[in-house]
Amino acid sequence: VDFLRNLFSSTLGLGSADKVLDELTLDGVAQYIKSGKCKNILCMVGAGISTSAGIPDFRSPETGLYANMQKYNLPYPEAIFQIDYFKKHPEPFFALAKELYPGQFKPTICHYFMKLLKDKGHLRRCYTQNIDTLERVAGLEGDDLIEAHGTFFTSHCVSFCCRQEYNLDWMRDKIFSEDIPRCDKCSSLVKPDIVFFGESLPVRFFTSMKMDFPRCDLLIIMGTSLQVQPFAGLVGSVVCFCLQADPLFGLLGFGGGMDFDSEKAYRDVAHISTCDDGCLALAELLGWKVELEELVKQEHARIDGQEKEKEKVGESKGAAAEVSAAAPVAPEPKKEE
């Protein structure tokens, strides 16, 4: 009965829906999380959560990827992610992939805030549009994560008769040696498992959303313009009493079933700031700020340490190869007659 009453209230304007929050502010969201009633948080995230890591988003007018594609001589910017164009002209995509390849960037405050949500038992799942794998680097794994637009983590041969799988290291070696990746078995192109325009989203995206969104009691949206379907449509999949909080509404389109400032507003909250600042503000209200900052500091130091070790190993191998190449060949002893 309560569900139907809220449904008719929110969609038809009949009566008044029950408020989930004491107040439609970030503090109200924090109090809701701390109340113990909020056990199934979903996060929807896009490129905006990775810009502070140095990765450009797609649609910002001057700094976005689509605004800086002139050097690739594309018929239009989006062609670089069109599957038909890629099969005929893979060079532009792999040139861009070299600039943006995973392993060159560290997760942001936003990524580690979601890790804290997981560690504290609040996160049901993160739905990401991103292909940079930073959610994985921050500690979200398998069941925690729906990579709606795919990932660089694995790659496959594009031939339907082959579909040989390759790992992240194999693809990295190909891209950074400036070779066009081709299958070891059939010589067809090999493409990272990211979703191009013209391809279907992963099956797991659709099966998980049917389970997750009806159970969601808090939806946090960060760093996405909500312009790409079907991802954007997820906003309308939550039940009407689910709270929707957006820490970076400055980059979002007003719509998608959210209501922040009308007379009928009863659940949705907008916090206008950068994604990182929004997460820090919410963490402070939750009493997690110091823990979040320490987590970021420790994890960044760990990643830096790993990179230094890789550099040392690379230098050692290079030095060993030089010594081996420079070593004189001893003459064969003369046979005594």
Protein backbone atom coordinates (compact mmCIF):
# COMPACT_ATOMS: atom_id res chain seq x y z
CA VAL A 1 0.00 0.00 0.00
CA ASP A 2 2.79 2.42 0.91
CA PHE A 3 4.57 1.62 -2.36
CA LEU A 4 1.43 2.32 -4.43
CA ARG A 5 0.67 5.49 -2.51
CA ASN A 6 4.17 6.81 -3.11
CA LEU A 7 4.03 5.75 -6.76
CA PHE A 8 0.79 7.64 -7.43
CA SER A 9 2.01 10.60 -5.37
CA SER A 10 5.26 11.00 -7.29
CA THR A 11 4.02 10.27 -10.80
CA LEU A 12 0.49 11.64 -10.78
CA GLY A 13 0.75 14.27 -8.07
CA LEU A 14 -1.97 12.64 -5.98
CA GLY A 15 -1.43 13.37 -2.31
CA SER A 16 2.06 13.70 -0.85
CA ALA A 17 4.79 11.08 -0.92
CA ASP A 18 6.53 10.11 2.29
CA LYS A 19 9.86 11.84 2.71
CA VAL A 20 12.84 9.58 3.13
CA LEU A 21 15.04 12.37 4.49
CA ASP A 22 14.59 14.87 7.28
CA GLU A 23 15.88 17.51 4.87
CA LEU A 24 16.81 17.50 1.19
CA THR A 25 20.48 18.31 1.76
CA LEU A 26 23.78 16.46 1.84
CA ASP A 27 23.49 16.38 5.62
CA GLY A 28 20.11 14.71 5.23
CA VAL A 29 21.76 12.07 3.03
CA ALA A 30 24.48 11.51 5.64
CA GLN A 31 21.92 11.09 8.42
CA TYR A 32 20.03 8.58 6.26
CA ILE A 33 23.19 6.51 5.69
CA LYS A 34 24.00 6.59 9.42
CA SER A 35 20.47 5.62 10.40
CA GLY A 36 20.99 1.97 9.46
CA LYS A 37 18.06 2.07 7.02
CA CYS A 38 20.34 2.55 4.02
CA LYS A 39 21.81 -0.85 3.17
CA ASN A 40 21.68 -1.04 -0.63
CA ILE A 41 23.53 1.91 -2.14
CA LEU A 42 24.07 1.98 -5.89
CA CYS A 43 26.55 4.34 -7.54
CA MET A 44 26.23 5.49 -11.15
CA VAL A 45 29.46 7.08 -12.32
CA GLY A 46 30.94 8.52 -15.50
CA ALA A 47 34.09 10.16 -16.82
CA GLY A 48 33.79 13.12 -14.44
CA ILE A 49 35.06 11.05 -11.52
CA SER A 50 38.36 10.44 -13.31
CA THR A 51 39.17 13.95 -14.57
CA SER A 52 41.12 14.81 -11.40
CA ALA A 53 43.32 11.78 -12.17
CA GLY A 54 44.30 13.47 -15.44
CA ILE A 55 41.90 11.60 -17.74
CA PRO A 56 39.76 13.94 -19.87
CA ASP A 57 36.02 13.44 -20.06
CA PHE A 58 34.22 13.14 -23.39
CA ARG A 59 31.95 16.14 -23.81
CA SER A 60 33.47 19.18 -22.06
CA PRO A 61 33.55 21.94 -24.73
CA GLU A 62 37.31 22.68 -24.71
CA THR A 63 39.03 19.95 -22.69
CA GLY A 64 36.90 16.90 -23.54
CA LEU A 65 38.09 14.10 -25.81
CA TYR A 66 35.59 14.89 -28.55
CA ALA A 67 36.81 18.50 -28.69
CA ASN A 68 40.40 17.41 -29.31
CA MET A 69 40.19 14.81 -32.08
CA GLN A 70 41.49 16.95 -34.96
CA LYS A 71 44.87 15.17 -35.10
CA TYR A 72 43.19 11.86 -35.95
CA ASN A 73 41.52 13.16 -39.15
CA LEU A 74 38.17 11.59 -38.27
CA PRO A 75 34.97 12.19 -40.26
CA TYR A 76 33.37 13.15 -36.91
CA PRO A 77 34.70 12.80 -33.32
CA GLU A 78 32.52 9.85 -32.27
CA ALA A 79 33.86 7.78 -35.20
CA ILE A 80 36.85 6.80 -33.09
CA PHE A 81 34.46 4.64 -31.04
CA GLN A 82 32.32 3.37 -33.93
CA ILE A 83 32.80 -0.36 -34.46
CA ASP A 84 32.44 -0.22 -38.27
CA TYR A 85 34.95 2.63 -38.55
CA PHE A 86 37.35 0.82 -36.18
CA LYS A 87 37.40 -2.34 -38.30
CA LYS A 88 38.42 -0.32 -41.36
CA HIS A 89 40.63 2.27 -39.63
CA PRO A 90 41.91 0.98 -36.24
CA GLU A 91 44.91 3.34 -36.12
CA PRO A 92 43.18 6.40 -34.54
CA PHE A 93 41.68 4.34 -31.71
CA PHE A 94 44.96 2.68 -30.79
CA ALA A 95 46.81 6.01 -30.92
CA LEU A 96 44.26 7.42 -28.45
CA ALA A 97 44.41 4.24 -26.36
CA LYS A 98 48.16 4.73 -25.90
CA GLU A 99 47.50 8.15 -24.35
CA LEU A 100 44.77 6.89 -22.03
CA TYR A 101 45.89 3.33 -21.32
CA PRO A 102 45.21 1.96 -17.80
CA GLY A 103 48.19 1.89 -15.48
CA GLN A 104 49.24 5.49 -16.10
CA PHE A 105 46.73 7.02 -13.68
CA LYS A 106 45.78 6.68 -10.00
CA PRO A 107 42.21 6.46 -8.63
CA THR A 108 40.65 9.63 -7.25
CA ILE A 109 39.04 10.51 -3.93
CA CYS A 110 35.75 9.59 -5.57
CA HIS A 111 36.91 6.06 -6.38
CA TYR A 112 38.14 5.49 -2.83
CA PHE A 113 34.90 6.89 -1.35
CA MET A 114 33.08 4.08 -3.15
CA LYS A 115 35.65 1.63 -1.74
CA LEU A 116 34.79 2.92 1.75
CA LEU A 117 31.09 2.40 1.05
CA LYS A 118 31.95 -1.20 0.16
CA ASP A 119 34.15 -1.77 3.21
CA LYS A 120 31.44 -0.44 5.53
CA GLY A 121 28.81 -2.71 4.03
CA HIS A 122 26.70 -0.04 2.31
CA LEU A 123 27.56 -0.54 -1.38
CA ARG A 124 25.42 -2.97 -3.34
CA ARG A 125 27.08 -2.20 -6.67
CA CYS A 126 28.79 0.45 -8.76
CA TYR A 127 27.56 0.96 -12.33
CA THR A 128 30.28 2.72 -14.30
CA GLN A 129 30.47 4.09 -17.83
CA ASN A 130 34.24 4.34 -17.53
CA ILE A 131 36.74 2.11 -19.31
CA ASP A 132 39.82 3.28 -17.38
CA THR A 133 39.66 0.39 -14.81
CA LEU A 134 40.29 2.82 -11.91
CA GLU A 135 37.38 1.33 -9.96
CA ARG A 136 39.26 -1.98 -10.03
CA VAL A 137 42.52 -0.33 -9.01
CA ALA A 138 40.72 1.30 -6.05
CA GLY A 139 39.55 -2.10 -4.83
CA LEU A 140 36.12 -2.73 -6.36
CA GLU A 141 36.08 -6.26 -7.72
CA GLY A 142 33.94 -8.73 -9.64
CA ASP A 143 30.58 -8.62 -7.93
CA ASP A 144 30.99 -4.98 -6.82
CA LEU A 145 31.19 -3.62 -10.33
CA ILE A 146 29.17 -3.38 -13.53
CA GLU A 147 31.34 -1.96 -16.30
CA ALA A 148 28.44 -0.94 -18.52
CA HIS A 149 30.62 0.23 -21.39
CA GLY A 150 33.16 -2.54 -21.06
CA THR A 151 36.79 -2.48 -19.97
CA PHE A 152 40.41 -2.59 -21.11
CA PHE A 153 40.97 -5.39 -18.60
CA THR A 154 40.45 -8.05 -21.27
CA SER A 155 40.49 -8.05 -25.09
CA HIS A 156 39.16 -10.39 -27.78
CA CYS A 157 39.76 -11.15 -31.43
CA VAL A 158 37.00 -9.49 -33.47
CA SER A 159 36.54 -12.57 -35.68
CA PHE A 160 33.35 -14.42 -34.75
CA CYS A 161 35.05 -17.68 -35.72
CA CYS A 162 37.93 -17.11 -33.30
CA ARG A 163 37.21 -14.77 -30.34
CA GLN A 164 40.58 -15.57 -28.76
CA GLU A 165 40.97 -13.72 -25.43
CA TYR A 166 43.99 -11.61 -24.46
CA ASN A 167 44.89 -9.99 -21.15
CA LEU A 168 45.76 -6.42 -20.17
CA ASP A 169 49.53 -6.93 -20.39
CA TRP A 170 49.35 -8.43 -23.90
CA MET A 171 47.33 -5.48 -25.17
CA ARG A 172 49.59 -2.98 -23.40
CA ASP A 173 52.69 -4.44 -25.07
CA LYS A 174 51.07 -4.18 -28.49
CA ILE A 175 49.81 -0.62 -28.01
CA PHE A 176 53.06 0.75 -26.61
CA SER A 177 55.14 -0.92 -29.31
CA GLU A 178 52.83 0.91 -31.75
CA ASP A 179 51.79 -2.36 -33.38
CA ILE A 180 48.17 -2.73 -34.42
CA PRO A 181 47.07 -5.65 -32.19
CA ARG A 182 46.32 -8.72 -34.28
CA CYS A 183 45.29 -12.18 -33.19
CA ASP A 184 48.08 -14.74 -32.75
CA LYS A 185 45.75 -17.44 -34.08
CA CYS A 186 43.98 -15.90 -37.07
CA SER A 187 45.61 -12.45 -37.64
CA SER A 188 42.29 -10.58 -37.26
CA LEU A 189 42.14 -7.35 -35.25
CA VAL A 190 42.06 -7.64 -31.47
CA LYS A 191 39.91 -5.08 -29.67
CA PRO A 192 39.75 -4.27 -25.94
CA ASP A 193 36.43 -5.35 -24.45
CA ILE A 194 35.05 -1.83 -24.37
CA VAL A 195 31.64 -1.20 -25.91
CA PHE A 196 31.79 0.74 -29.16
CA PHE A 197 28.86 2.54 -30.73
CA GLY A 198 27.03 -0.16 -32.67
CA GLU A 199 27.72 -2.90 -30.10
CA SER A 200 25.48 -4.28 -27.38
CA LEU A 201 26.15 -3.68 -23.70
CA PRO A 202 27.28 -6.68 -21.62
CA VAL A 203 24.50 -9.11 -20.72
CA ARG A 204 25.42 -8.72 -17.05
CA PHE A 205 24.41 -5.05 -17.20
CA PHE A 206 20.81 -5.98 -17.97
CA THR A 207 20.53 -8.95 -15.61
CA SER A 208 22.04 -7.04 -12.68
CA MET A 209 19.95 -3.89 -13.12
CA LYS A 210 16.76 -5.97 -12.86
CA MET A 211 17.92 -7.28 -9.48
CA ASP A 212 19.62 -4.17 -8.10
CA PHE A 213 17.42 -1.18 -8.82
CA PRO A 214 14.17 -2.44 -7.27
CA ARG A 215 16.15 -3.03 -4.03
CA CYS A 216 18.10 0.24 -4.12
CA ASP A 217 17.49 2.64 -1.23
CA LEU A 218 20.10 5.27 -2.19
CA LEU A 219 21.34 6.08 -5.70
CA ILE A 220 24.46 8.24 -5.89
CA ILE A 221 25.16 9.74 -9.34
CA MET A 222 28.58 11.24 -10.03
CA GLY A 223 30.45 12.56 -13.04
CA THR A 224 28.05 11.66 -15.82
CA SER A 225 26.03 13.83 -18.19
CA LEU A 226 23.43 11.05 -18.50
CA GLN A 227 23.31 11.51 -22.27
CA VAL A 228 24.13 7.97 -23.38
CA GLN A 229 21.43 5.31 -23.36
CA PRO A 230 20.66 2.79 -22.02
CA PHE A 231 22.91 3.76 -19.08
CA ALA A 232 21.12 7.08 -18.55
CA GLY A 233 17.79 5.27 -18.29
CA LEU A 234 18.89 3.56 -15.08
CA VAL A 235 17.93 6.71 -13.18
CA GLY A 236 14.29 5.97 -13.87
CA SER A 237 14.58 2.35 -12.75
CA VAL A 238 14.66 2.96 -9.01
CA VAL A 239 11.45 2.73 -6.98
CA CYS A 240 9.90 6.06 -6.11
CA PHE A 241 10.96 6.06 -2.46
CA CYS A 242 14.65 5.56 -3.35
CA LEU A 243 16.74 8.63 -2.67
CA GLN A 244 18.82 10.00 -5.55
CA ALA A 245 21.81 12.12 -4.58
CA ASP A 246 24.04 13.83 -7.12
CA PRO A 247 27.36 15.24 -5.80
CA LEU A 248 28.22 16.79 -9.18
CA PHE A 249 24.98 18.12 -10.57
CA GLY A 250 26.88 20.88 -12.34
CA LEU A 251 27.78 18.35 -15.07
CA LEU A 252 24.37 16.72 -15.26
CA GLY A 253 21.34 17.46 -17.39
CA PHE A 254 18.25 18.33 -15.38
CA GLY A 255 15.95 15.42 -16.06
CA GLY A 256 16.03 11.67 -15.89
CA GLY A 257 13.20 11.53 -13.39
CA MET A 258 14.92 13.63 -10.73
CA ASP A 259 13.19 16.51 -8.97
CA PHE A 260 15.33 18.84 -6.89
CA ASP A 261 13.44 22.08 -6.50
CA SER A 262 9.75 21.82 -7.40
CA GLU A 263 6.95 21.98 -4.84
CA LYS A 264 6.57 18.19 -5.19
CA ALA A 265 10.24 17.45 -4.45
CA TYR A 266 10.46 14.90 -1.65
CA ARG A 267 13.57 12.71 -2.11
CA ASP A 268 16.26 13.97 -4.52
CA VAL A 269 19.32 15.97 -3.48
CA ALA A 270 21.80 17.93 -5.63
CA HIS A 271 25.21 18.94 -4.29
CA ILE A 272 27.03 21.23 -6.70
CA SER A 273 30.81 20.77 -6.58
CA THR A 274 33.52 18.65 -8.12
CA CYS A 275 33.12 14.93 -7.58
CA ASP A 276 36.08 14.77 -5.20
CA ASP A 277 34.90 17.75 -3.14
CA GLY A 278 31.39 16.31 -2.98
CA CYS A 279 32.70 12.98 -1.70
CA LEU A 280 34.90 14.72 0.87
CA ALA A 281 31.94 16.79 2.06
CA LEU A 282 29.74 13.72 2.45
CA ALA A 283 32.57 11.77 4.11
CA GLU A 284 33.01 14.59 6.64
CA LEU A 285 29.30 14.54 7.50
CA LEU A 286 29.54 10.75 7.93
CA GLY A 287 32.63 11.06 10.14
CA TRP A 288 34.76 9.28 7.52
CA LYS A 289 36.85 12.18 6.14
CA VAL A 290 40.10 11.40 7.96
CA GLU A 291 39.74 7.71 7.09
CA LEU A 292 39.11 8.55 3.43
CA GLU A 293 42.08 10.91 3.19
CA GLU A 294 44.35 8.34 4.84
CA LEU A 295 43.11 5.61 2.47
CA VAL A 296 43.89 7.79 -0.56
CA LYS A 297 47.34 8.63 0.80
CA GLN A 298 48.23 5.01 1.57
CA GLU A 299 46.93 3.62 -1.70
CA HIS A 300 48.65 6.26 -3.82
CA ALA A 301 51.92 5.55 -2.00
CA ARG A 302 51.46 1.82 -2.63
CA ILE A 303 50.83 2.41 -6.35
CA ASP A 304 53.86 4.71 -6.61
CA GLY A 305 55.96 2.02 -4.92
CA GLN A 306 54.78 -0.59 -7.40
CA GLU A 307 55.65 1.68 -10.31
CA LYS A 308 59.16 2.27 -8.94
CA GLU A 309 59.66 -1.49 -8.60
CA LYS A 310 58.56 -1.99 -12.21
CA GLU A 311 61.00 0.70 -13.35
CA LYS A 312 63.85 -0.96 -11.42
CA VAL A 313 63.03 -4.35 -12.96
CA GLY A 314 62.92 -2.76 -16.41
CA GLU A 315 66.25 -1.02 -15.88
CA SER A 316 67.84 -4.23 -14.59
CA LYS A 317 66.65 -6.18 -17.62
CA GLY A 318 67.91 -3.44 -19.93
CA ALA A 319 71.29 -3.35 -18.24
CA ALA A 320 71.59 -7.15 -18.38
CA ALA A 321 70.78 -7.12 -22.09
CA GLU A 322 73.45 -4.45 -22.74
CA VAL A 323 76.08 -6.37 -20.80
CA SER A 324 75.20 -9.56 -22.65
CA ALA A 325 75.39 -7.81 -26.01
CA ALA A 326 78.70 -6.13 -25.17
CA ALA A 327 80.44 -9.15 -23.66
CA PRO A 328 83.35 -10.30 -25.85
CA VAL A 329 83.21 -13.80 -27.24
CA ALA A 330 86.15 -15.86 -26.01
CA PRO A 331 88.19 -17.45 -28.84
CA GLU A 332 88.05 -21.24 -29.12
CA PRO A 333 91.20 -22.90 -27.82
CA LYS A 334 93.51 -24.28 -30.46
CA LYS A 335 93.64 -28.00 -30.76
CA GLU A 336 97.00 -29.56 -30.07
CA GLU A 337 98.40 -31.62 -32.90
